[in-house]
Amino acid sequence: LLYTDGVTEARDSTGTFYPLAERITGWTDNDPDAFLGRFRRDLLHHVGGHLNDDAAMIAIKRTATPRAT
């Protein structure tokens, strides 16, 4: 997971920063698109629907590669 500081510096109405590690630790989405969709919805919910800074997120899924014989 790669993200910009707009994610970690996003604050709710009380000034609490988005708790990234706490939020995503239990998520089991295996598909990067599904994970990012959930991440985006959760982030927007935390800030009340509008970010005050830009935020970029990239999720990469590592797949097994066949071993050479």
PDB file of N, CA and C in Angstrom:
ATOM      1  N   LEU A   1       0.856  -1.175   0.000  1.00  0.00           N
ATOM      2  CA  LEU A   1       0.000   0.000   0.000  1.00  0.00           C
ATOM      3  C   LEU A   1       0.894   1.228   0.000  1.00  0.00           C
ATOM      4  N   LEU A   2       0.646   2.104  -0.950  1.00  0.00           N
ATOM      5  CA  LEU A   2       1.340   3.381  -1.014  1.00  0.00           C
ATOM      6  C   LEU A   2       0.289   4.476  -0.901  1.00  0.00           C
ATOM      7  N   TYR A   3       0.620   5.560  -0.204  1.00  0.00           N
ATOM      8  CA  TYR A   3      -0.340   6.643  -0.031  1.00  0.00           C
ATOM      9  C   TYR A   3       0.412   7.944   0.239  1.00  0.00           C
ATOM     10  N   THR A   4      -0.259   9.051  -0.024  1.00  0.00           N
ATOM     11  CA  THR A   4       0.332  10.356   0.239  1.00  0.00           C
ATOM     12  C   THR A   4      -0.072  10.848   1.622  1.00  0.00           C
ATOM     13  N   ASP A   5       0.547  11.929   2.032  1.00  0.00           N
ATOM     14  CA  ASP A   5       0.265  12.466   3.364  1.00  0.00           C
ATOM     15  C   ASP A   5      -1.156  13.008   3.503  1.00  0.00           C
ATOM     16  N   GLY A   6      -1.842  13.205   2.392  1.00  0.00           N
ATOM     17  CA  GLY A   6      -3.236  13.626   2.470  1.00  0.00           C
ATOM     18  C   GLY A   6      -4.107  12.597   3.162  1.00  0.00           C
ATOM     19  N   VAL A   7      -3.677  11.343   3.145  1.00  0.00           N
ATOM     20  CA  VAL A   7      -4.414  10.272   3.831  1.00  0.00           C
ATOM     21  C   VAL A   7      -4.175  10.360   5.334  1.00  0.00           C
ATOM     22  N   THR A   8      -2.926  10.349   5.743  1.00  0.00           N
ATOM     23  CA  THR A   8      -2.609  10.306   7.170  1.00  0.00           C
ATOM     24  C   THR A   8      -2.863  11.628   7.878  1.00  0.00           C
ATOM     25  N   GLU A   9      -2.956  12.715   7.120  1.00  0.00           N
ATOM     26  CA  GLU A   9      -3.222  14.011   7.731  1.00  0.00           C
ATOM     27  C   GLU A   9      -4.702  14.409   7.657  1.00  0.00           C
ATOM     28  N   ALA A  10      -5.539  13.534   7.122  1.00  0.00           N
ATOM     29  CA  ALA A  10      -6.976  13.804   7.051  1.00  0.00           C
ATOM     30  C   ALA A  10      -7.542  13.790   8.467  1.00  0.00           C
ATOM     31  N   ARG A  11      -8.327  14.806   8.784  1.00  0.00           N
ATOM     32  CA  ARG A  11      -8.877  14.936  10.143  1.00  0.00           C
ATOM     33  C   ARG A  11     -10.399  14.938  10.125  1.00  0.00           C
ATOM     34  N   ASP A  12     -10.963  14.433  11.205  1.00  0.00           N
ATOM     35  CA  ASP A  12     -12.419  14.488  11.351  1.00  0.00           C
ATOM     36  C   ASP A  12     -12.814  15.836  11.954  1.00  0.00           C
ATOM     37  N   SER A  13     -14.082  16.006  12.267  1.00  0.00           N
ATOM     38  CA  SER A  13     -14.571  17.293  12.767  1.00  0.00           C
ATOM     39  C   SER A  13     -14.002  17.675  14.134  1.00  0.00           C
ATOM     40  N   THR A  14     -13.446  16.714  14.861  1.00  0.00           N
ATOM     41  CA  THR A  14     -12.839  17.016  16.164  1.00  0.00           C
ATOM     42  C   THR A  14     -11.332  17.220  16.057  1.00  0.00           C
ATOM     43  N   GLY A  15     -10.793  17.060  14.836  1.00  0.00           N
ATOM     44  CA  GLY A  15      -9.358  17.237  14.638  1.00  0.00           C
ATOM     45  C   GLY A  15      -8.545  15.964  14.751  1.00  0.00           C
ATOM     46  N   THR A  16      -9.222  14.835  14.892  1.00  0.00           N
ATOM     47  CA  THR A  16      -8.524  13.558  15.007  1.00  0.00           C
ATOM     48  C   THR A  16      -8.049  13.095  13.637  1.00  0.00           C
ATOM     49  N   PHE A  17      -6.765  12.758  13.551  1.00  0.00           N
ATOM     50  CA  PHE A  17      -6.203  12.258  12.304  1.00  0.00           C
ATOM     51  C   PHE A  17      -6.808  10.902  11.940  1.00  0.00           C
ATOM     52  N   TYR A  18      -6.832  10.604  10.655  1.00  0.00           N
ATOM     53  CA  TYR A  18      -7.320   9.306  10.188  1.00  0.00           C
ATOM     54  C   TYR A  18      -6.393   8.216  10.728  1.00  0.00           C
ATOM     55  N   PRO A  19      -6.931   7.253  11.468  1.00  0.00           N
ATOM     56  CA  PRO A  19      -6.109   6.194  12.077  1.00  0.00           C
ATOM     57  C   PRO A  19      -5.855   5.041  11.095  1.00  0.00           C
ATOM     58  N   LEU A  20      -5.000   5.279  10.142  1.00  0.00           N
ATOM     59  CA  LEU A  20      -4.772   4.333   9.049  1.00  0.00           C
ATOM     60  C   LEU A  20      -4.473   2.914   9.531  1.00  0.00           C
ATOM     61  N   ALA A  21      -3.462   2.748  10.348  1.00  0.00           N
ATOM     62  CA  ALA A  21      -3.068   1.403  10.783  1.00  0.00           C
ATOM     63  C   ALA A  21      -4.203   0.691  11.517  1.00  0.00           C
ATOM     64  N   GLU A  22      -4.912   1.408  12.365  1.00  0.00           N
ATOM     65  CA  GLU A  22      -6.014   0.802  13.105  1.00  0.00           C
ATOM     66  C   GLU A  22      -7.145   0.362  12.184  1.00  0.00           C
ATOM     67  N   ARG A  23      -7.401   1.137  11.152  1.00  0.00           N
ATOM     68  CA  ARG A  23      -8.518   0.846  10.253  1.00  0.00           C
ATOM     69  C   ARG A  23      -8.247  -0.352   9.355  1.00  0.00           C
ATOM     70  N   ILE A  24      -7.091  -0.374   8.724  1.00  0.00           N
ATOM     71  CA  ILE A  24      -6.880  -1.381   7.676  1.00  0.00           C
ATOM     72  C   ILE A  24      -6.323  -2.708   8.176  1.00  0.00           C
ATOM     73  N   THR A  25      -5.888  -2.766   9.417  1.00  0.00           N
ATOM     74  CA  THR A  25      -5.275  -3.988   9.931  1.00  0.00           C
ATOM     75  C   THR A  25      -6.169  -5.210   9.780  1.00  0.00           C
ATOM     76  N   GLY A  26      -7.440  -5.090  10.044  1.00  0.00           N
ATOM     77  CA  GLY A  26      -8.338  -6.244   9.993  1.00  0.00           C
ATOM     78  C   GLY A  26      -9.002  -6.472   8.652  1.00  0.00           C
ATOM     79  N   TRP A  27      -8.771  -5.601   7.697  1.00  0.00           N
ATOM     80  CA  TRP A  27      -9.416  -5.761   6.399  1.00  0.00           C
ATOM     81  C   TRP A  27      -8.799  -6.929   5.656  1.00  0.00           C
ATOM     82  N   THR A  28      -9.646  -7.740   5.051  1.00  0.00           N
ATOM     83  CA  THR A  28      -9.158  -8.931   4.358  1.00  0.00           C
ATOM     84  C   THR A  28      -9.418  -8.897   2.857  1.00  0.00           C
ATOM     85  N   ASP A  29      -9.716  -7.720   2.326  1.00  0.00           N
ATOM     86  CA  ASP A  29      -9.943  -7.611   0.881  1.00  0.00           C
ATOM     87  C   ASP A  29      -8.681  -8.065   0.157  1.00  0.00           C
ATOM     88  N   ASN A  30      -8.834  -9.022  -0.733  1.00  0.00           N
ATOM     89  CA  ASN A  30      -7.696  -9.565  -1.457  1.00  0.00           C
ATOM     90  C   ASN A  30      -7.503  -8.881  -2.807  1.00  0.00           C
ATOM     91  N   ASP A  31      -8.526  -8.235  -3.288  1.00  0.00           N
ATOM     92  CA  ASP A  31      -8.473  -7.552  -4.572  1.00  0.00           C
ATOM     93  C   ASP A  31      -8.091  -6.086  -4.353  1.00  0.00           C
ATOM     94  N   PRO A  32      -7.047  -5.582  -5.017  1.00  0.00           N
ATOM     95  CA  PRO A  32      -6.637  -4.194  -4.815  1.00  0.00           C
ATOM     96  C   PRO A  32      -7.754  -3.182  -5.071  1.00  0.00           C
ATOM     97  N   ASP A  33      -8.572  -3.395  -6.103  1.00  0.00           N
ATOM     98  CA  ASP A  33      -9.663  -2.460  -6.389  1.00  0.00           C
ATOM     99  C   ASP A  33     -10.688  -2.435  -5.260  1.00  0.00           C
ATOM    100  N   ALA A  34     -11.037  -3.604  -4.742  1.00  0.00           N
ATOM    101  CA  ALA A  34     -11.993  -3.672  -3.635  1.00  0.00           C
ATOM    102  C   ALA A  34     -11.402  -3.019  -2.382  1.00  0.00           C
ATOM    103  N   PHE A  35     -10.139  -3.290  -2.131  1.00  0.00           N
ATOM    104  CA  PHE A  35      -9.464  -2.694  -0.974  1.00  0.00           C
ATOM    105  C   PHE A  35      -9.462  -1.175  -1.074  1.00  0.00           C
ATOM    106  N   LEU A  36      -9.089  -0.646  -2.239  1.00  0.00           N
ATOM    107  CA  LEU A  36      -9.046   0.807  -2.412  1.00  0.00           C
ATOM    108  C   LEU A  36     -10.428   1.439  -2.316  1.00  0.00           C
ATOM    109  N   GLY A  37     -11.440   0.753  -2.817  1.00  0.00           N
ATOM    110  CA  GLY A  37     -12.797   1.257  -2.686  1.00  0.00           C
ATOM    111  C   GLY A  37     -13.207   1.371  -1.234  1.00  0.00           C
ATOM    112  N   ARG A  38     -12.908   0.342  -0.468  1.00  0.00           N
ATOM    113  CA  ARG A  38     -13.237   0.354   0.956  1.00  0.00           C
ATOM    114  C   ARG A  38     -12.437   1.432   1.683  1.00  0.00           C
ATOM    115  N   PHE A  39     -11.161   1.518   1.347  1.00  0.00           N
ATOM    116  CA  PHE A  39     -10.270   2.510   1.941  1.00  0.00           C
ATOM    117  C   PHE A  39     -10.800   3.922   1.676  1.00  0.00           C
ATOM    118  N   ARG A  40     -11.163   4.206   0.439  1.00  0.00           N
ATOM    119  CA  ARG A  40     -11.663   5.526   0.051  1.00  0.00           C
ATOM    120  C   ARG A  40     -12.952   5.864   0.804  1.00  0.00           C
ATOM    121  N   ARG A  41     -13.877   4.916   0.840  1.00  0.00           N
ATOM    122  CA  ARG A  41     -15.142   5.151   1.551  1.00  0.00           C
ATOM    123  C   ARG A  41     -14.900   5.417   3.037  1.00  0.00           C
ATOM    124  N   ASP A  42     -14.004   4.648   3.633  1.00  0.00           N
ATOM    125  CA  ASP A  42     -13.727   4.807   5.054  1.00  0.00           C
ATOM    126  C   ASP A  42     -13.056   6.150   5.336  1.00  0.00           C
ATOM    127  N   LEU A  43     -12.126   6.528   4.482  1.00  0.00           N
ATOM    128  CA  LEU A  43     -11.447   7.814   4.649  1.00  0.00           C
ATOM    129  C   LEU A  43     -12.430   8.972   4.525  1.00  0.00           C
ATOM    130  N   LEU A  44     -13.278   8.926   3.507  1.00  0.00           N
ATOM    131  CA  LEU A  44     -14.271   9.981   3.334  1.00  0.00           C
ATOM    132  C   LEU A  44     -15.276  10.015   4.479  1.00  0.00           C
ATOM    133  N   HIS A  45     -15.648   8.859   4.980  1.00  0.00           N
ATOM    134  CA  HIS A  45     -16.547   8.808   6.140  1.00  0.00           C
ATOM    135  C   HIS A  45     -15.883   9.478   7.346  1.00  0.00           C
ATOM    136  N   HIS A  46     -14.621   9.204   7.550  1.00  0.00           N
ATOM    137  CA  HIS A  46     -13.885   9.776   8.684  1.00  0.00           C
ATOM    138  C   HIS A  46     -13.882  11.300   8.634  1.00  0.00           C
ATOM    139  N   VAL A  47     -13.699  11.867   7.450  1.00  0.00           N
ATOM    140  CA  VAL A  47     -13.597  13.327   7.335  1.00  0.00           C
ATOM    141  C   VAL A  47     -14.944  14.007   7.092  1.00  0.00           C
ATOM    142  N   GLY A  48     -16.002  13.253   7.048  1.00  0.00           N
ATOM    143  CA  GLY A  48     -17.314  13.849   6.838  1.00  0.00           C
ATOM    144  C   GLY A  48     -17.637  14.118   5.380  1.00  0.00           C
ATOM    145  N   GLY A  49     -16.983  13.386   4.481  1.00  0.00           N
ATOM    146  CA  GLY A  49     -17.337  13.460   3.073  1.00  0.00           C
ATOM    147  C   GLY A  49     -16.478  14.334   2.191  1.00  0.00           C
ATOM    148  N   HIS A  50     -15.583  15.130   2.779  1.00  0.00           N
ATOM    149  CA  HIS A  50     -14.774  16.028   1.955  1.00  0.00           C
ATOM    150  C   HIS A  50     -13.355  16.136   2.515  1.00  0.00           C
ATOM    151  N   LEU A  51     -12.376  15.849   1.659  1.00  0.00           N
ATOM    152  CA  LEU A  51     -10.979  16.004   2.059  1.00  0.00           C
ATOM    153  C   LEU A  51     -10.539  17.447   1.846  1.00  0.00           C
ATOM    154  N   ASN A  52      -9.732  17.960   2.749  1.00  0.00           N
ATOM    155  CA  ASN A  52      -9.199  19.314   2.619  1.00  0.00           C
ATOM    156  C   ASN A  52      -7.845  19.334   1.916  1.00  0.00           C
ATOM    157  N   ASP A  53      -7.331  18.175   1.574  1.00  0.00           N
ATOM    158  CA  ASP A  53      -6.047  18.043   0.889  1.00  0.00           C
ATOM    159  C   ASP A  53      -6.183  16.919  -0.123  1.00  0.00           C
ATOM    160  N   ASP A  54      -5.295  16.886  -1.085  1.00  0.00           N
ATOM    161  CA  ASP A  54      -5.332  15.782  -2.039  1.00  0.00           C
ATOM    162  C   ASP A  54      -4.824  14.510  -1.359  1.00  0.00           C
ATOM    163  N   ALA A  55      -5.317  13.397  -1.818  1.00  0.00           N
ATOM    164  CA  ALA A  55      -4.907  12.101  -1.272  1.00  0.00           C
ATOM    165  C   ALA A  55      -4.806  11.113  -2.421  1.00  0.00           C
ATOM    166  N   ALA A  56      -3.706  10.395  -2.453  1.00  0.00           N
ATOM    167  CA  ALA A  56      -3.512   9.361  -3.466  1.00  0.00           C
ATOM    168  C   ALA A  56      -3.209   8.052  -2.757  1.00  0.00           C
ATOM    169  N   MET A  57      -3.775   6.969  -3.295  1.00  0.00           N
ATOM    170  CA  MET A  57      -3.583   5.651  -2.706  1.00  0.00           C
ATOM    171  C   MET A  57      -3.356   4.644  -3.829  1.00  0.00           C
ATOM    172  N   ILE A  58      -2.403   3.768  -3.638  1.00  0.00           N
ATOM    173  CA  ILE A  58      -2.123   2.706  -4.599  1.00  0.00           C
ATOM    174  C   ILE A  58      -1.993   1.404  -3.817  1.00  0.00           C
ATOM    175  N   ALA A  59      -2.717   0.389  -4.249  1.00  0.00           N
ATOM    176  CA  ALA A  59      -2.605  -0.938  -3.630  1.00  0.00           C
ATOM    177  C   ALA A  59      -2.051  -1.893  -4.676  1.00  0.00           C
ATOM    178  N   ILE A  60      -1.068  -2.649  -4.274  1.00  0.00           N
ATOM    179  CA  ILE A  60      -0.423  -3.606  -5.175  1.00  0.00           C
ATOM    180  C   ILE A  60      -0.567  -4.999  -4.575  1.00  0.00           C
ATOM    181  N   LYS A  61      -0.980  -5.924  -5.408  1.00  0.00           N
ATOM    182  CA  LYS A  61      -1.113  -7.307  -4.965  1.00  0.00           C
ATOM    183  C   LYS A  61       0.049  -8.109  -5.530  1.00  0.00           C
ATOM    184  N   ARG A  62       0.762  -8.748  -4.666  1.00  0.00           N
ATOM    185  CA  ARG A  62       1.865  -9.604  -5.085  1.00  0.00           C
ATOM    186  C   ARG A  62       1.307 -10.994  -5.338  1.00  0.00           C
ATOM    187  N   THR A  63       1.602 -11.518  -6.501  1.00  0.00           N
ATOM    188  CA  THR A  63       1.157 -12.864  -6.835  1.00  0.00           C
ATOM    189  C   THR A  63       2.366 -13.790  -6.896  1.00  0.00           C
ATOM    190  N   ALA A  64       2.101 -15.035  -6.657  1.00  0.00           N
ATOM    191  CA  ALA A  64       3.168 -16.027  -6.710  1.00  0.00           C
ATOM    192  C   ALA A  64       3.627 -16.200  -8.160  1.00  0.00           C
ATOM    193  N   THR A  65       4.898 -16.372  -8.309  1.00  0.00           N
ATOM    194  CA  THR A  65       5.434 -16.635  -9.645  1.00  0.00           C
ATOM    195  C   THR A  65       5.895 -18.078  -9.690  1.00  0.00           C
ATOM    196  N   PRO A  66       5.671 -18.714 -10.819  1.00  0.00           N
ATOM    197  CA  PRO A  66       6.119 -20.110 -10.932  1.00  0.00           C
ATOM    198  C   PRO A  66       7.633 -20.206 -10.828  1.00  0.00           C
ATOM    199  N   ARG A  67       8.084 -21.246 -10.187  1.00  0.00           N
ATOM    200  CA  ARG A  67       9.525 -21.464 -10.053  1.00  0.00           C
ATOM    201  C   ARG A  67      10.063 -22.058 -11.347  1.00  0.00           C
ATOM    202  N   ALA A  68      11.222 -21.592 -11.716  1.00  0.00           N
ATOM    203  CA  ALA A  68      11.870 -22.141 -12.911  1.00  0.00           C
ATOM    204  C   ALA A  68      12.346 -23.572 -12.613  1.00  0.00           C
ATOM    205  N   THR A  69      12.224 -24.412 -13.584  1.00  0.00           N
ATOM    206  CA  THR A  69      12.661 -25.806 -13.394  1.00  0.00           C
ATOM    207  C   THR A  69      13.964 -26.078 -14.072  1.00  0.00           C
TER     208      THR A  69
END
